[in-house]
């Protein structure tokens, strides 16, 4: 949350981008921790590197970034910029 507040101070006109950056940073960091646990300790538990972890920590941030980029493109074409 502190990252969102910090980013919103600098990205005043676009809160969505700050929230997306913070969420994706957290989730991709979690994914890196899961992969590191898999590689160093061989942890293949379902809640360490299972399907729901891959979807939640890797695919979801990519979807959110894609939706944001599509929103910006649509908003730009509607406003004529």
C-alpha atoms as a PDB file:
ATOM      1  CA  UNK A   1       0.000   0.000   0.000  1.00  0.00           C
ATOM      2  CA  UNK A   2       2.796   2.419   0.695  1.00  0.00           C
ATOM      3  CA  UNK A   3       4.029   1.939  -2.871  1.00  0.00           C
ATOM      4  CA  UNK A   4       0.595   2.961  -4.185  1.00  0.00           C
ATOM      5  CA  UNK A   5       0.576   6.073  -2.014  1.00  0.00           C
ATOM      6  CA  UNK A   6       4.113   6.953  -3.072  1.00  0.00           C
ATOM      7  CA  UNK A   7       3.325   6.476  -6.764  1.00  0.00           C
ATOM      8  CA  UNK A   8       0.078   8.420  -6.544  1.00  0.00           C
ATOM      9  CA  UNK A   9       2.031  11.393  -5.273  1.00  0.00           C
ATOM     10  CA  UNK A  10       4.009  11.427  -8.525  1.00  0.00           C
ATOM     11  CA  UNK A  11       1.311  10.086 -10.873  1.00  0.00           C
ATOM     12  CA  UNK A  12      -1.474  12.422  -9.810  1.00  0.00           C
ATOM     13  CA  UNK A  13      -3.564  12.327 -12.945  1.00  0.00           C
ATOM     14  CA  UNK A  14      -3.569   8.568 -13.306  1.00  0.00           C
ATOM     15  CA  UNK A  15      -4.290   6.595 -10.153  1.00  0.00           C
ATOM     16  CA  UNK A  16      -5.036   3.406 -12.090  1.00  0.00           C
ATOM     17  CA  UNK A  17      -1.486   3.186 -13.358  1.00  0.00           C
ATOM     18  CA  UNK A  18      -0.068   3.561  -9.852  1.00  0.00           C
ATOM     19  CA  UNK A  19      -2.353   0.844  -8.495  1.00  0.00           C
ATOM     20  CA  UNK A  20      -1.519  -1.502 -11.374  1.00  0.00           C
ATOM     21  CA  UNK A  21       2.228  -0.978 -10.933  1.00  0.00           C
ATOM     22  CA  UNK A  22       1.980  -1.681  -7.202  1.00  0.00           C
ATOM     23  CA  UNK A  23      -0.168  -4.782  -7.629  1.00  0.00           C
ATOM     24  CA  UNK A  24       1.954  -6.210 -10.436  1.00  0.00           C
ATOM     25  CA  UNK A  25       5.181  -5.520  -8.546  1.00  0.00           C
ATOM     26  CA  UNK A  26       3.851  -7.400  -5.524  1.00  0.00           C
ATOM     27  CA  UNK A  27       2.447 -10.358  -7.478  1.00  0.00           C
ATOM     28  CA  UNK A  28       5.444 -10.777  -9.769  1.00  0.00           C
ATOM     29  CA  UNK A  29       7.694 -10.588  -6.693  1.00  0.00           C
ATOM     30  CA  UNK A  30       5.632 -13.362  -5.123  1.00  0.00           C
ATOM     31  CA  UNK A  31       6.025 -15.433  -8.280  1.00  0.00           C
ATOM     32  CA  UNK A  32       9.793 -14.935  -8.149  1.00  0.00           C
ATOM     33  CA  UNK A  33       9.761 -16.167  -4.540  1.00  0.00           C
ATOM     34  CA  UNK A  34       7.787 -19.263  -5.524  1.00  0.00           C
ATOM     35  CA  UNK A  35      10.173 -20.052  -8.365  1.00  0.00           C
ATOM     36  CA  UNK A  36      13.175 -19.527  -6.087  1.00  0.00           C
ATOM     37  CA  UNK A  37      11.631 -21.882  -3.515  1.00  0.00           C
ATOM     38  CA  UNK A  38      11.091 -24.445  -6.254  1.00  0.00           C
ATOM     39  CA  UNK A  39      14.662 -24.197  -7.522  1.00  0.00           C
ATOM     40  CA  UNK A  40      16.519 -24.063  -4.190  1.00  0.00           C
ATOM     41  CA  UNK A  41      14.413 -26.397  -2.057  1.00  0.00           C
ATOM     42  CA  UNK A  42      12.576 -28.439  -4.663  1.00  0.00           C
ATOM     43  CA  UNK A  43       9.246 -27.297  -3.211  1.00  0.00           C
ATOM     44  CA  UNK A  44       6.639 -28.651  -5.621  1.00  0.00           C
ATOM     45  CA  UNK A  45       3.696 -28.263  -3.256  1.00  0.00           C
ATOM     46  CA  UNK A  46       0.439 -27.244  -4.904  1.00  0.00           C
ATOM     47  CA  UNK A  47       0.316 -23.944  -3.031  1.00  0.00           C
ATOM     48  CA  UNK A  48       3.902 -23.102  -3.952  1.00  0.00           C
ATOM     49  CA  UNK A  49       3.944 -23.643  -7.705  1.00  0.00           C
ATOM     50  CA  UNK A  50       0.498 -24.998  -8.543  1.00  0.00           C
ATOM     51  CA  UNK A  51      -1.884 -23.800 -11.229  1.00  0.00           C
ATOM     52  CA  UNK A  52      -3.630 -21.246  -8.998  1.00  0.00           C
ATOM     53  CA  UNK A  53      -0.291 -19.685  -8.041  1.00  0.00           C
ATOM     54  CA  UNK A  54       0.807 -19.383 -11.659  1.00  0.00           C
ATOM     55  CA  UNK A  55      -2.527 -17.837 -12.655  1.00  0.00           C
ATOM     56  CA  UNK A  56      -2.678 -15.520  -9.656  1.00  0.00           C
ATOM     57  CA  UNK A  57       0.931 -14.391  -9.569  1.00  0.00           C
ATOM     58  CA  UNK A  58       1.918 -14.406 -13.234  1.00  0.00           C
ATOM     59  CA  UNK A  59      -1.034 -14.417 -15.620  1.00  0.00           C
ATOM     60  CA  UNK A  60      -3.301 -12.035 -13.687  1.00  0.00           C
ATOM     61  CA  UNK A  61      -0.769  -9.148 -13.699  1.00  0.00           C
ATOM     62  CA  UNK A  62      -0.259  -9.612 -17.438  1.00  0.00           C
ATOM     63  CA  UNK A  63      -4.028  -9.494 -18.003  1.00  0.00           C
ATOM     64  CA  UNK A  64      -4.370  -6.344 -15.886  1.00  0.00           C
ATOM     65  CA  UNK A  65      -1.549  -4.628 -17.801  1.00  0.00           C
ATOM     66  CA  UNK A  66      -3.153  -5.639 -21.096  1.00  0.00           C
ATOM     67  CA  UNK A  67      -6.543  -4.310 -20.012  1.00  0.00           C
ATOM     68  CA  UNK A  68      -4.989  -1.024 -18.945  1.00  0.00           C
ATOM     69  CA  UNK A  69      -3.201  -0.634 -22.284  1.00  0.00           C
ATOM     70  CA  UNK A  70      -6.441  -1.402 -24.143  1.00  0.00           C
ATOM     71  CA  UNK A  71      -8.278   1.160 -22.004  1.00  0.00           C
ATOM     72  CA  UNK A  72      -5.670   3.835 -22.749  1.00  0.00           C
ATOM     73  CA  UNK A  73      -5.813   3.112 -26.476  1.00  0.00           C
ATOM     74  CA  UNK A  74      -9.622   3.240 -26.483  1.00  0.00           C
ATOM     75  CA  UNK A  75      -9.664   6.416 -24.380  1.00  0.00           C
ATOM     76  CA  UNK A  76      -7.136   8.063 -26.706  1.00  0.00           C
ATOM     77  CA  UNK A  77      -9.146   7.164 -29.831  1.00  0.00           C
ATOM     78  CA  UNK A  78     -12.416   8.433 -28.319  1.00  0.00           C
ATOM     79  CA  UNK A  79     -10.939  11.721 -27.126  1.00  0.00           C
ATOM     80  CA  UNK A  80      -9.156  12.246 -30.455  1.00  0.00           C
ATOM     81  CA  UNK A  81      -5.644  12.654 -29.089  1.00  0.00           C
END
